[in-house]
């Protein structure tokens, strides 16, 4: 069971557009004589009734202006209002009592589901029916437009002011009034008309559409077409309330290896609980297809007291990556097809991992250590591939215990690795890939650089004459031991002068090269007057490799 609309306790006082209700062939009250008798009371459609409250008025929220204040003396509306307060209360032309404020006849605000449109309608079976019409109009004909949809209005019939409009009894609604104005005969497409006919067919003879008037058509207008107490109105309201939408659930959406995702769950329609209905599956917002239920689900039958086979199990191909899967249950008799679940699934999940250490260990050897695992098979020890300077070296197994990794990812097995590789002196790029167990791309889990048996490096920033010699400033370090403070050698005119230590802080060097230690130097050396050639070398602390020239200058002392 469900309520067609949410209801608030008061109406907001908004008046509907003036619209005609005449159906000469169906309403004896609307004869030509009645129209001529009222000629001085109301002008053309859209012109306010003399003395009637303006649309949107009403501090009491009834839509009747000043809370039912009497119309000007002598007007037809004044006569009708007086009759409304008489012991026998007057009715709109469909037989339902009128009144103001609207609360005395049960007018309340209802919000059409899935919209922000609020309709003031007569409570009870009338609101259930008209709300149903508005909801399906929005879902199946066209989207309702806020500001163009109306309900209760305490006023006379536009084309025959001697009778009350059905709006005055809260038994009529107007939908999208500007798109389907009074008198316009061709504002709906053939498909839209068919959709309205389906709604009317469901409602039987209880609801009448203004487009079917034999006089001036009014396509925006829908009204209750039976008097109070007619058994058809309560029967239709019960039918609407008992037309439950299908229900169901997604139990599992999981990647099954390769490119396959499995979707399981159940769905049934309470209106036909023994019928095996269909479901529609959308992936990333795009419809894939309809699929039948039919899998036995005794647990569902027991929980809901139903019979039949209402489970489903569907296998779908999907590309690698993250996907959204939405399942709709198809309504058997008619109406909305509700979403019964949306899940996210990662297809062809890539292996994950990390290189914890990439370092030169001396003797032209580099250590590569870390971990890797494949979420598709978290208990399997997968191999890794190592590339040096873009060239594949080999596959190497994992297999070292890494309890920290297992704890963090809920995995089992031994996923750590340690590889020692020989490399020639110099700067090298090292890339590690993890093996994708089910197949597919083997993702990179790390790329880094390492200096192997590297020669010292540095730079002579300054070489200037000073009293009695030269001032030299710069920096130098040995990548084989970046924390060590090495020495630099100074040659003047090709003759070695001495070794001088580094040791001064050079935060700029440390930041750029990502190294620790103090690698700067700034000292003076003696030199005889004249033009002198100065060269500085950084000492190789490992030995065996040449000391590296880090700068030269020609200076006049």
Protein backbone atom coordinates (compact mmCIF):
# COMPACT_ATOMS: atom_id res chain seq x y z
CA UNK A 1 0.00 0.00 0.00
CA UNK A 2 1.22 3.49 -0.64
CA UNK A 3 0.07 7.10 -0.49
CA UNK A 4 -0.01 8.81 -3.87
CA UNK A 5 1.14 12.12 -2.41
CA UNK A 6 2.58 13.53 0.75
CA UNK A 7 0.09 15.77 2.53
CA UNK A 8 0.51 18.92 4.58
CA UNK A 9 -2.02 20.30 7.01
CA UNK A 10 -2.69 23.59 5.22
CA UNK A 11 -3.03 24.80 1.66
CA UNK A 12 -0.64 27.56 0.55
CA UNK A 13 -3.38 29.72 -0.91
CA UNK A 14 -2.27 29.65 -4.53
CA UNK A 15 -5.16 29.99 -6.98
CA UNK A 16 -5.31 28.04 -10.23
CA UNK A 17 -5.61 29.56 -13.63
CA UNK A 18 -9.17 30.45 -14.65
CA UNK A 19 -10.34 27.59 -16.86
CA UNK A 20 -13.69 26.55 -18.32
CA UNK A 21 -15.53 23.38 -17.39
CA UNK A 22 -18.36 23.36 -20.01
CA UNK A 23 -19.49 20.12 -21.55
CA UNK A 24 -22.88 20.97 -23.14
CA UNK A 25 -23.61 17.40 -24.09
CA UNK A 26 -22.85 16.10 -20.58
CA UNK A 27 -24.01 18.87 -18.28
CA UNK A 28 -27.61 20.08 -18.61
CA UNK A 29 -26.74 23.00 -16.37
CA UNK A 30 -24.49 24.45 -19.05
CA UNK A 31 -27.12 25.46 -21.60
CA UNK A 32 -26.98 28.49 -23.77
CA UNK A 33 -29.54 30.22 -21.60
CA UNK A 34 -27.34 29.83 -18.55
CA UNK A 35 -24.42 31.29 -20.42
CA UNK A 36 -26.35 34.33 -21.65
CA UNK A 37 -27.75 34.99 -18.19
CA UNK A 38 -24.25 35.35 -16.90
CA UNK A 39 -22.90 37.48 -19.74
CA UNK A 40 -22.56 40.55 -17.56
CA UNK A 41 -20.83 38.67 -14.75
CA UNK A 42 -17.75 37.23 -16.46
CA UNK A 43 -15.72 38.28 -19.46
CA UNK A 44 -13.42 36.15 -21.55
CA UNK A 45 -11.32 33.31 -20.16
CA UNK A 46 -8.53 34.60 -17.94
CA UNK A 47 -10.42 37.78 -16.79
CA UNK A 48 -11.08 37.75 -13.05
CA UNK A 49 -14.63 37.47 -11.72
CA UNK A 50 -15.85 40.89 -10.61
CA UNK A 51 -15.35 41.16 -6.89
CA UNK A 52 -13.71 37.73 -6.61
CA UNK A 53 -10.38 37.34 -4.83
CA UNK A 54 -7.29 37.59 -7.01
CA UNK A 55 -5.24 34.46 -7.65
CA UNK A 56 -2.75 33.75 -4.92
CA UNK A 57 -4.69 35.64 -2.25
CA UNK A 58 -5.83 34.38 1.09
CA UNK A 59 -4.01 34.80 4.38
CA UNK A 60 -5.77 31.70 5.65
CA UNK A 61 -4.32 29.55 2.88
CA UNK A 62 -7.70 28.61 1.43
CA UNK A 63 -7.41 30.38 -1.90
CA UNK A 64 -10.67 32.21 -1.19
CA UNK A 65 -9.23 35.64 -0.53
CA UNK A 66 -9.93 37.04 2.92
CA UNK A 67 -10.90 33.75 4.48
CA UNK A 68 -14.28 33.43 2.81
CA UNK A 69 -15.17 37.14 2.88
CA UNK A 70 -18.47 37.70 1.04
CA UNK A 71 -18.36 38.87 -2.58
CA UNK A 72 -19.73 42.30 -3.48
CA UNK A 73 -23.51 42.59 -3.03
CA UNK A 74 -25.53 41.88 -6.13
CA UNK A 75 -22.99 39.61 -7.81
CA UNK A 76 -23.86 36.04 -8.82
CA UNK A 77 -20.92 34.84 -6.72
CA UNK A 78 -22.41 36.64 -3.71
CA UNK A 79 -25.67 34.77 -4.28
CA UNK A 80 -23.78 31.50 -4.59
CA UNK A 81 -21.74 32.21 -1.48
CA UNK A 82 -24.89 32.91 0.47
CA UNK A 83 -26.30 29.63 -0.73
CA UNK A 84 -23.14 27.90 0.39
CA UNK A 85 -23.81 28.98 3.97
CA UNK A 86 -27.44 27.90 3.86
CA UNK A 87 -28.54 24.70 5.63
CA UNK A 88 -28.38 22.81 2.32
CA UNK A 89 -24.84 23.42 1.09
CA UNK A 90 -24.49 23.93 -2.67
CA UNK A 91 -22.34 21.73 -4.85
CA UNK A 92 -20.15 21.98 -7.90
CA UNK A 93 -21.71 20.64 -11.08
CA UNK A 94 -20.37 17.13 -10.38
CA UNK A 95 -22.32 16.99 -7.11
CA UNK A 96 -19.60 17.64 -4.52
CA UNK A 97 -20.03 20.31 -1.85
CA UNK A 98 -18.14 23.59 -2.17
CA UNK A 99 -16.89 25.76 0.65
CA UNK A 100 -14.46 28.35 1.90
CA UNK A 101 -12.12 28.30 3.62
CA UNK A 102 -11.05 25.11 1.89
CA UNK A 103 -10.43 23.39 5.20
CA UNK A 104 -14.18 23.07 5.84
CA UNK A 105 -14.47 20.63 2.92
CA UNK A 106 -11.16 18.88 3.61
CA UNK A 107 -8.80 20.66 1.21
CA UNK A 108 -5.14 19.89 1.94
CA UNK A 109 -1.82 20.25 0.15
CA UNK A 110 -0.39 17.23 -1.65
CA UNK A 111 3.03 17.03 -3.29
CA UNK A 112 3.19 14.92 -6.44
CA UNK A 113 5.88 12.24 -5.92
CA UNK A 114 9.06 12.89 -7.84
CA UNK A 115 8.22 16.58 -8.35
CA UNK A 116 8.00 19.83 -6.40
CA UNK A 117 4.45 20.40 -7.64
CA UNK A 118 1.92 20.93 -4.83
CA UNK A 119 -1.78 20.43 -5.51
CA UNK A 120 -4.57 21.48 -3.12
CA UNK A 121 -7.17 18.70 -3.40
CA UNK A 122 -10.10 17.35 -1.44
CA UNK A 123 -8.82 14.78 1.04
CA UNK A 124 -9.79 11.12 1.03
CA UNK A 125 -10.62 9.07 -2.05
CA UNK A 126 -10.64 12.16 -4.26
CA UNK A 127 -7.04 13.04 -3.41
CA UNK A 128 -5.98 9.43 -3.93
CA UNK A 129 -7.48 9.42 -7.43
CA UNK A 130 -6.45 12.86 -8.64
CA UNK A 131 -2.99 12.40 -7.14
CA UNK A 132 -2.68 9.13 -9.04
CA UNK A 133 -3.62 10.87 -12.28
CA UNK A 134 -1.05 13.64 -11.66
CA UNK A 135 1.70 11.16 -10.79
CA UNK A 136 1.17 9.09 -13.92
CA UNK A 137 0.78 12.20 -16.08
CA UNK A 138 4.22 13.31 -14.87
CA UNK A 139 5.76 9.86 -15.41
CA UNK A 140 4.09 8.84 -18.67
CA UNK A 141 2.81 11.94 -20.49
CA UNK A 142 5.15 14.84 -19.71
CA UNK A 143 6.96 16.39 -16.78
CA UNK A 144 4.77 18.55 -14.57
CA UNK A 145 5.79 22.21 -14.47
CA UNK A 146 5.70 24.02 -11.17
CA UNK A 147 3.50 27.11 -11.40
CA UNK A 148 1.30 25.60 -14.09
CA UNK A 149 -0.57 23.00 -12.02
CA UNK A 150 -3.63 23.84 -9.96
CA UNK A 151 -6.32 22.33 -7.76
CA UNK A 152 -8.87 23.86 -5.38
CA UNK A 153 -10.20 27.38 -6.15
CA UNK A 154 -13.35 28.84 -4.62
CA UNK A 155 -14.98 30.26 -7.74
CA UNK A 156 -17.75 29.91 -10.24
CA UNK A 157 -17.52 27.94 -13.43
CA UNK A 158 -15.76 30.14 -15.98
CA UNK A 159 -18.20 29.54 -18.85
CA UNK A 160 -21.32 29.43 -16.70
CA UNK A 161 -21.00 31.62 -13.61
CA UNK A 162 -24.40 30.45 -12.37
CA UNK A 163 -22.82 27.16 -11.23
CA UNK A 164 -19.81 26.34 -9.11
CA UNK A 165 -16.63 25.09 -10.76
CA UNK A 166 -15.47 21.61 -9.81
CA UNK A 167 -12.33 23.37 -8.57
CA UNK A 168 -14.50 24.94 -5.83
CA UNK A 169 -15.18 21.48 -4.41
CA UNK A 170 -11.54 20.37 -4.71
CA UNK A 171 -12.46 17.68 -7.24
CA UNK A 172 -10.58 18.97 -10.30
CA UNK A 173 -6.96 19.61 -11.23
CA UNK A 174 -5.24 21.42 -14.09
CA UNK A 175 -1.85 20.14 -15.29
CA UNK A 176 0.62 22.23 -17.31
CA UNK A 177 -1.92 24.95 -18.01
CA UNK A 178 0.29 27.09 -20.26
CA UNK A 179 1.24 24.15 -22.49
CA UNK A 180 -2.40 23.08 -22.88
CA UNK A 181 -4.48 26.27 -22.65
CA UNK A 182 -8.23 26.32 -22.69
CA UNK A 183 -9.64 25.97 -26.19
CA UNK A 184 -6.43 24.63 -27.76
CA UNK A 185 -7.30 21.39 -29.51
CA UNK A 186 -3.91 20.05 -30.66
CA UNK A 187 -1.41 20.46 -27.85
CA UNK A 188 -0.69 16.76 -27.23
CA UNK A 189 1.17 14.32 -29.48
CA UNK A 190 -0.42 11.04 -30.48
CA UNK A 191 1.84 9.22 -28.04
CA UNK A 192 0.84 11.57 -25.21
CA UNK A 193 -2.84 11.12 -25.96
CA UNK A 194 -2.39 7.35 -25.86
CA UNK A 195 -0.66 7.68 -22.49
CA UNK A 196 -3.55 9.77 -21.11
CA UNK A 197 -6.03 7.21 -22.45
CA UNK A 198 -4.22 4.47 -20.54
CA UNK A 199 -4.51 6.48 -17.35
CA UNK A 200 -8.21 7.13 -17.95
CA UNK A 201 -8.82 3.47 -18.79
CA UNK A 202 -7.34 2.50 -15.44
CA UNK A 203 -9.68 5.00 -13.74
CA UNK A 204 -12.78 3.73 -15.54
CA UNK A 205 -15.60 6.28 -15.68
CA UNK A 206 -14.53 8.04 -12.50
CA UNK A 207 -12.22 10.62 -14.07
CA UNK A 208 -13.07 12.83 -17.06
CA UNK A 209 -10.55 14.66 -19.27
CA UNK A 210 -11.28 18.21 -20.45
CA UNK A 211 -9.86 17.38 -23.87
CA UNK A 212 -13.01 15.30 -24.41
CA UNK A 213 -15.42 18.24 -23.94
CA UNK A 214 -17.69 18.53 -27.00
CA UNK A 215 -17.65 22.29 -26.71
CA UNK A 216 -14.49 24.19 -25.78
CA UNK A 217 -11.81 21.61 -25.06
CA UNK A 218 -9.58 22.00 -22.00
CA UNK A 219 -6.64 19.58 -22.21
CA UNK A 220 -5.09 20.68 -18.91
CA UNK A 221 -8.21 19.72 -16.97
CA UNK A 222 -9.06 16.44 -15.14
CA UNK A 223 -12.06 16.08 -12.84
CA UNK A 224 -14.00 13.59 -10.77
CA UNK A 225 -16.99 12.56 -12.87
CA UNK A 226 -19.12 10.75 -10.30
CA UNK A 227 -21.06 12.17 -7.32
CA UNK A 228 -20.23 11.49 -3.66
CA UNK A 229 -21.29 8.03 -2.52
CA UNK A 230 -20.90 6.43 -5.94
CA UNK A 231 -19.28 3.04 -5.19
CA UNK A 232 -16.97 3.37 -8.17
CA UNK A 233 -14.96 6.11 -6.50
CA UNK A 234 -14.11 4.06 -3.41
CA UNK A 235 -13.41 1.02 -5.59
CA UNK A 236 -10.96 2.97 -7.73
CA UNK A 237 -9.26 4.47 -4.68
CA UNK A 238 -8.84 0.99 -3.21
CA UNK A 239 -7.47 -0.26 -6.52
CA UNK A 240 -4.91 2.55 -6.59
CA UNK A 241 -3.85 2.04 -3.01
CA UNK A 242 -3.50 -1.70 -3.54
CA UNK A 243 -1.55 -1.36 -6.78
CA UNK A 244 1.76 -1.85 -5.05
CA UNK A 245 4.97 -1.30 -6.89
CA UNK A 246 7.24 -4.34 -7.26
CA UNK A 247 9.73 -4.96 -4.50
CA UNK A 248 13.05 -6.79 -4.46
CA UNK A 249 16.70 -6.68 -3.57
CA UNK A 250 20.16 -7.08 -5.07
CA UNK A 251 21.95 -9.73 -3.05
CA UNK A 252 25.29 -9.67 -4.85
CA UNK A 253 27.14 -7.91 -7.64
CA UNK A 254 30.60 -9.41 -7.92
CA UNK A 255 33.45 -9.82 -10.37
CA UNK A 256 33.87 -13.48 -11.31
CA UNK A 257 37.11 -13.32 -13.26
CA UNK A 258 37.83 -12.64 -16.91
CA UNK A 259 35.35 -9.93 -17.93
CA UNK A 260 32.30 -11.39 -16.16
CA UNK A 261 30.14 -9.85 -13.43
CA UNK A 262 27.44 -11.83 -11.62
CA UNK A 263 24.24 -10.07 -10.46
CA UNK A 264 21.87 -11.95 -8.13
CA UNK A 265 18.79 -11.08 -6.11
CA UNK A 266 15.01 -11.32 -6.15
CA UNK A 267 11.93 -9.33 -7.20
CA UNK A 268 8.17 -9.79 -7.30
CA UNK A 269 5.04 -7.69 -7.77
CA UNK A 270 2.58 -7.85 -4.83
CA UNK A 271 -0.30 -7.34 -7.28
CA UNK A 272 0.54 -10.69 -8.91
CA UNK A 273 2.71 -12.39 -6.34
CA UNK A 274 2.77 -15.76 -8.09
CA UNK A 275 3.94 -14.28 -11.40
CA UNK A 276 7.60 -14.34 -12.33
CA UNK A 277 8.31 -10.77 -13.37
CA UNK A 278 11.25 -9.31 -15.28
CA UNK A 279 14.06 -7.06 -14.16
CA UNK A 280 15.94 -4.43 -16.18
CA UNK A 281 19.67 -3.93 -15.64
CA UNK A 282 21.51 -0.69 -16.31
CA UNK A 283 25.32 -0.45 -16.29
CA UNK A 284 26.79 3.02 -15.83
CA UNK A 285 23.37 4.50 -16.61
CA UNK A 286 22.90 2.63 -19.88
CA UNK A 287 20.20 -0.04 -20.24
CA UNK A 288 21.60 -3.50 -20.96
CA UNK A 289 18.48 -5.64 -21.26
CA UNK A 290 15.51 -7.19 -19.46
CA UNK A 291 16.05 -10.49 -17.69
CA UNK A 292 13.48 -12.90 -16.21
CA UNK A 293 13.22 -13.99 -12.64
CA UNK A 294 12.55 -17.70 -12.18
CA UNK A 295 15.19 -18.89 -9.74
CA UNK A 296 13.76 -20.60 -6.66
CA UNK A 297 13.92 -18.39 -3.55
CA UNK A 298 12.20 -20.21 -0.71
CA UNK A 299 13.49 -17.65 1.76
CA UNK A 300 11.66 -14.85 -0.07
CA UNK A 301 8.47 -16.89 -0.37
CA UNK A 302 8.55 -17.70 3.34
CA UNK A 303 9.21 -14.10 4.34
CA UNK A 304 6.37 -12.67 2.24
CA UNK A 305 3.91 -15.57 2.27
CA UNK A 306 3.96 -15.96 -1.52
CA UNK A 307 4.62 -18.69 -4.05
CA UNK A 308 6.49 -18.86 -7.34
CA UNK A 309 10.16 -18.46 -8.25
CA UNK A 310 11.28 -14.87 -7.83
CA UNK A 311 15.06 -15.07 -7.79
CA UNK A 312 17.38 -13.95 -10.56
CA UNK A 313 20.98 -14.66 -11.48
CA UNK A 314 22.53 -12.81 -14.42
CA UNK A 315 26.09 -12.91 -15.77
CA UNK A 316 27.17 -9.81 -17.70
CA UNK A 317 30.36 -9.04 -19.64
CA UNK A 318 32.04 -5.81 -18.52
CA UNK A 319 35.26 -4.03 -19.34
CA UNK A 320 37.94 -3.60 -16.68
CA UNK A 321 37.31 -0.72 -14.33
CA UNK A 322 34.73 0.45 -11.81
CA UNK A 323 31.07 0.17 -12.86
CA UNK A 324 27.69 1.11 -11.42
CA UNK A 325 24.99 -1.57 -11.72
CA UNK A 326 21.31 -0.61 -11.22
CA UNK A 327 18.38 -3.06 -11.24
CA UNK A 328 14.73 -2.10 -11.89
CA UNK A 329 11.77 -4.39 -11.17
CA UNK A 330 9.16 -4.33 -13.94
CA UNK A 331 5.62 -3.52 -12.80
CA UNK A 332 3.27 -6.26 -14.02
CA UNK A 333 -0.08 -4.49 -14.33
CA UNK A 334 1.25 -1.01 -15.07
CA UNK A 335 2.88 1.96 -13.42
CA UNK A 336 6.37 2.81 -12.26
CA UNK A 337 9.26 0.36 -12.45
CA UNK A 338 11.12 0.97 -9.18
CA UNK A 339 14.83 0.67 -8.59
CA UNK A 340 15.50 -2.24 -6.23
CA UNK A 341 19.20 -1.59 -5.85
CA UNK A 342 22.38 -0.01 -7.14
CA UNK A 343 25.83 -1.47 -6.54
CA UNK A 344 29.39 -0.67 -7.60
CA UNK A 345 31.73 -3.37 -8.88
CA UNK A 346 35.40 -3.35 -9.81
CA UNK A 347 35.96 -5.51 -12.88
CA UNK A 348 39.32 -7.13 -13.56
CA UNK A 349 40.79 -5.66 -10.40
CA UNK A 350 44.39 -4.80 -10.93
CA UNK A 351 47.14 -6.09 -8.67
CA UNK A 352 48.38 -3.64 -6.08
CA UNK A 353 51.73 -3.25 -4.38
CA UNK A 354 54.58 -1.00 -3.38
CA UNK A 355 58.39 -0.80 -3.60
CA UNK A 356 59.56 -0.03 -0.07
CA UNK A 357 63.27 0.15 -0.88
CA UNK A 358 65.23 0.95 -4.04
CA UNK A 359 68.86 1.52 -3.07
CA UNK A 360 72.47 1.02 -4.15
CA UNK A 361 74.16 -1.50 -1.85
CA UNK A 362 77.76 -1.24 -3.08
CA UNK A 363 79.69 -3.44 -5.49
CA UNK A 364 77.42 -2.35 -8.35
CA UNK A 365 74.42 -4.01 -6.69
CA UNK A 366 70.90 -2.57 -6.29
CA UNK A 367 68.31 -3.86 -3.81
CA UNK A 368 64.60 -3.78 -4.75
CA UNK A 369 62.19 -4.75 -1.95
CA UNK A 370 58.43 -4.42 -1.43
CA UNK A 371 55.15 -6.32 -1.82
CA UNK A 372 52.48 -7.12 -4.39
CA UNK A 373 49.15 -8.97 -4.39
CA UNK A 374 46.20 -9.53 -6.69
CA UNK A 375 42.81 -8.79 -5.04
CA UNK A 376 41.21 -11.34 -7.35
CA UNK A 377 43.27 -14.07 -5.63
CA UNK A 378 44.54 -12.54 -2.38
CA UNK A 379 45.92 -15.86 -1.13
CA UNK A 380 48.16 -16.41 -4.16
CA UNK A 381 51.84 -15.40 -4.25
CA UNK A 382 52.12 -13.55 -7.56
CA UNK A 383 55.32 -12.72 -9.50
CA UNK A 384 56.69 -9.27 -10.28
CA UNK A 385 58.57 -8.07 -13.36
CA UNK A 386 61.55 -5.69 -13.11
CA UNK A 387 62.51 -3.27 -15.86
CA UNK A 388 65.78 -1.29 -15.81
CA UNK A 389 66.00 1.73 -18.08
CA UNK A 390 62.92 0.44 -19.94
CA UNK A 391 64.32 -3.03 -20.63
CA UNK A 392 62.68 -6.08 -19.05
CA UNK A 393 65.08 -7.99 -16.80
CA UNK A 394 63.05 -10.92 -15.48
CA UNK A 395 60.07 -12.16 -13.45
CA UNK A 396 60.72 -12.64 -9.73
CA UNK A 397 58.48 -14.39 -7.21
CA UNK A 398 56.91 -12.92 -4.13
CA UNK A 399 56.89 -15.28 -1.15
CA UNK A 400 58.32 -13.30 1.76
CA UNK A 401 56.04 -13.01 4.76
CA UNK A 402 54.43 -9.57 5.09
CA UNK A 403 52.05 -9.66 8.01
CA UNK A 404 51.54 -5.89 7.78
CA UNK A 405 50.23 -6.21 4.22
CA UNK A 406 47.94 -9.13 5.06
CA UNK A 407 46.51 -7.23 8.01
CA UNK A 408 45.92 -4.07 6.00
CA UNK A 409 44.23 -5.78 3.03
CA UNK A 410 42.63 -8.82 4.65
CA UNK A 411 44.83 -11.11 2.59
CA UNK A 412 46.57 -14.40 3.27
CA UNK A 413 49.80 -15.81 1.85
CA UNK A 414 53.28 -14.31 1.52
CA UNK A 415 53.35 -11.25 -0.70
CA UNK A 416 56.74 -9.68 0.00
CA UNK A 417 59.71 -9.66 -2.40
CA UNK A 418 63.42 -8.81 -2.31
CA UNK A 419 65.54 -8.70 -5.46
CA UNK A 420 69.29 -7.94 -5.75
CA UNK A 421 70.34 -6.86 -9.25
CA UNK A 422 73.74 -6.03 -10.69
CA UNK A 423 73.86 -2.68 -12.44
CA UNK A 424 76.54 -0.67 -14.14
CA UNK A 425 77.65 2.60 -12.57
CA UNK A 426 75.39 5.55 -13.27
CA UNK A 427 71.82 6.72 -12.81
CA UNK A 428 69.19 4.09 -13.65
CA UNK A 429 65.40 4.01 -13.88
CA UNK A 430 63.78 0.96 -12.24
CA UNK A 431 60.13 -0.03 -12.88
CA UNK A 432 58.26 -2.87 -11.17
CA UNK A 433 55.06 -4.46 -12.51
CA UNK A 434 52.77 -6.92 -10.68
CA UNK A 435 51.38 -9.95 -12.50
CA UNK A 436 47.59 -9.88 -13.08
CA UNK A 437 46.53 -13.41 -12.14
CA UNK A 438 43.20 -13.71 -14.04
CA UNK A 439 44.73 -12.05 -17.08
CA UNK A 440 44.85 -8.55 -18.50
CA UNK A 441 47.30 -5.73 -18.02
CA UNK A 442 50.12 -6.09 -15.51
CA UNK A 443 50.08 -2.73 -13.73
CA UNK A 444 53.10 -0.71 -12.67
CA UNK A 445 53.36 -0.58 -8.90
CA UNK A 446 56.48 1.60 -8.75
CA UNK A 447 58.96 3.58 -10.82
CA UNK A 448 62.07 5.12 -9.31
CA UNK A 449 65.70 6.07 -9.92
CA UNK A 450 68.91 4.85 -8.33
CA UNK A 451 72.56 5.90 -8.65
CA UNK A 452 74.83 2.89 -8.95
CA UNK A 453 78.57 3.07 -8.07
CA UNK A 454 78.23 6.67 -9.08
CA UNK A 455 81.02 9.15 -9.37
CA UNK A 456 80.94 12.15 -7.06
CA UNK A 457 79.04 15.18 -8.27
CA UNK A 458 79.00 18.86 -7.38
CA UNK A 459 79.48 22.38 -8.63
CA UNK A 460 81.90 25.28 -8.27
CA UNK A 461 79.61 28.23 -7.59
CA UNK A 462 82.25 30.93 -7.04
CA UNK A 463 85.93 31.54 -7.86
CA UNK A 464 87.08 35.13 -7.15
CA UNK A 465 90.38 36.86 -6.28
CA UNK A 466 91.02 37.88 -2.70
CA UNK A 467 94.06 39.29 -0.96
CA UNK A 468 96.89 36.77 -1.32
CA UNK A 469 94.97 34.24 -3.36
CA UNK A 470 91.50 32.87 -4.34
CA UNK A 471 88.13 32.28 -2.67
CA UNK A 472 86.34 29.08 -3.82
CA UNK A 473 82.75 28.18 -2.96
CA UNK A 474 80.46 25.31 -4.04
CA UNK A 475 79.22 21.85 -3.13
CA UNK A 476 80.05 18.17 -3.70
CA UNK A 477 78.82 14.72 -2.59
CA UNK A 478 79.18 11.07 -3.50
CA UNK A 479 75.89 9.30 -4.38
CA UNK A 480 77.39 6.04 -3.12
CA UNK A 481 77.22 7.51 0.39
CA UNK A 482 75.14 10.68 0.23
CA UNK A 483 75.29 11.28 3.98
CA UNK A 484 79.10 11.43 4.02
CA UNK A 485 81.02 14.69 3.86
CA UNK A 486 83.62 14.19 1.14
CA UNK A 487 86.70 16.25 0.25
CA UNK A 488 87.49 18.31 -2.81
CA UNK A 489 90.91 18.75 -4.43
CA UNK A 490 92.12 22.11 -5.81
CA UNK A 491 94.51 22.45 -8.75
CA UNK A 492 96.01 25.82 -9.77
CA UNK A 493 97.68 25.98 -13.17
CA UNK A 494 97.63 22.15 -13.25
CA UNK A 495 99.41 21.69 -9.93
CA UNK A 496 97.61 20.03 -7.01
CA UNK A 497 97.37 22.37 -4.03
CA UNK A 498 95.53 20.33 -1.38
CA UNK A 499 92.36 18.49 -0.30
CA UNK A 500 89.70 20.58 1.43
CA UNK A 501 86.69 19.20 3.33
CA UNK A 502 83.02 19.87 2.64
CA UNK A 503 80.83 20.21 5.74
CA UNK A 504 78.91 23.41 5.34
CA UNK A 505 75.11 23.27 5.25
CA UNK A 506 73.55 23.53 1.79
CA UNK A 507 69.82 23.12 2.29
CA UNK A 508 69.19 23.99 -1.37
CA UNK A 509 71.33 21.06 -2.53
CA UNK A 510 69.75 18.65 -0.06
CA UNK A 511 66.27 19.68 -1.15
CA UNK A 512 66.89 19.36 -4.87
CA UNK A 513 68.78 16.05 -4.64
CA UNK A 514 66.76 14.66 -1.74
CA UNK A 515 69.86 13.84 0.30
CA UNK A 516 70.96 14.40 3.90
CA UNK A 517 74.28 15.77 5.24
CA UNK A 518 76.32 18.96 4.81
CA UNK A 519 77.92 19.11 1.39
CA UNK A 520 78.92 22.74 0.95
CA UNK A 521 82.43 24.23 0.91
CA UNK A 522 83.75 27.82 1.09
CA UNK A 523 87.49 28.38 1.61
CA UNK A 524 90.55 30.38 0.49
CA UNK A 525 93.76 29.18 -1.16
CA UNK A 526 97.00 31.05 -1.73
CA UNK A 527 98.00 32.05 -5.25
CA UNK A 528 100.64 34.33 -6.78
CA UNK A 529 99.57 37.41 -8.70
CA UNK A 530 98.55 37.06 -12.33
CA UNK A 531 95.96 35.09 -14.30
CA UNK A 532 95.47 31.68 -12.75
CA UNK A 533 93.61 28.56 -14.00
CA UNK A 534 91.69 26.86 -11.16
CA UNK A 535 90.10 23.35 -11.26
CA UNK A 536 88.19 21.60 -8.42
CA UNK A 537 87.68 17.79 -8.16
CA UNK A 538 85.30 15.85 -5.84
CA UNK A 539 86.89 12.81 -4.23
CA UNK A 540 85.35 9.35 -4.83
CA UNK A 541 84.96 7.80 -1.38
CA UNK A 542 84.62 4.23 -2.69
CA UNK A 543 87.84 4.42 -4.63
CA UNK A 544 88.42 2.68 -7.92
CA UNK A 545 86.41 5.25 -9.83
CA UNK A 546 87.90 8.56 -10.93
CA UNK A 547 87.54 11.71 -8.91
CA UNK A 548 85.12 13.98 -10.70
CA UNK A 549 85.86 17.49 -11.88
CA UNK A 550 83.07 19.75 -10.63
CA UNK A 551 84.25 23.12 -11.96
CA UNK A 552 87.03 25.26 -13.46
CA UNK A 553 87.68 28.99 -13.77
CA UNK A 554 90.26 31.52 -14.99
CA UNK A 555 90.88 34.26 -12.40
CA UNK A 556 93.22 37.26 -12.28
CA UNK A 557 94.80 37.48 -8.81
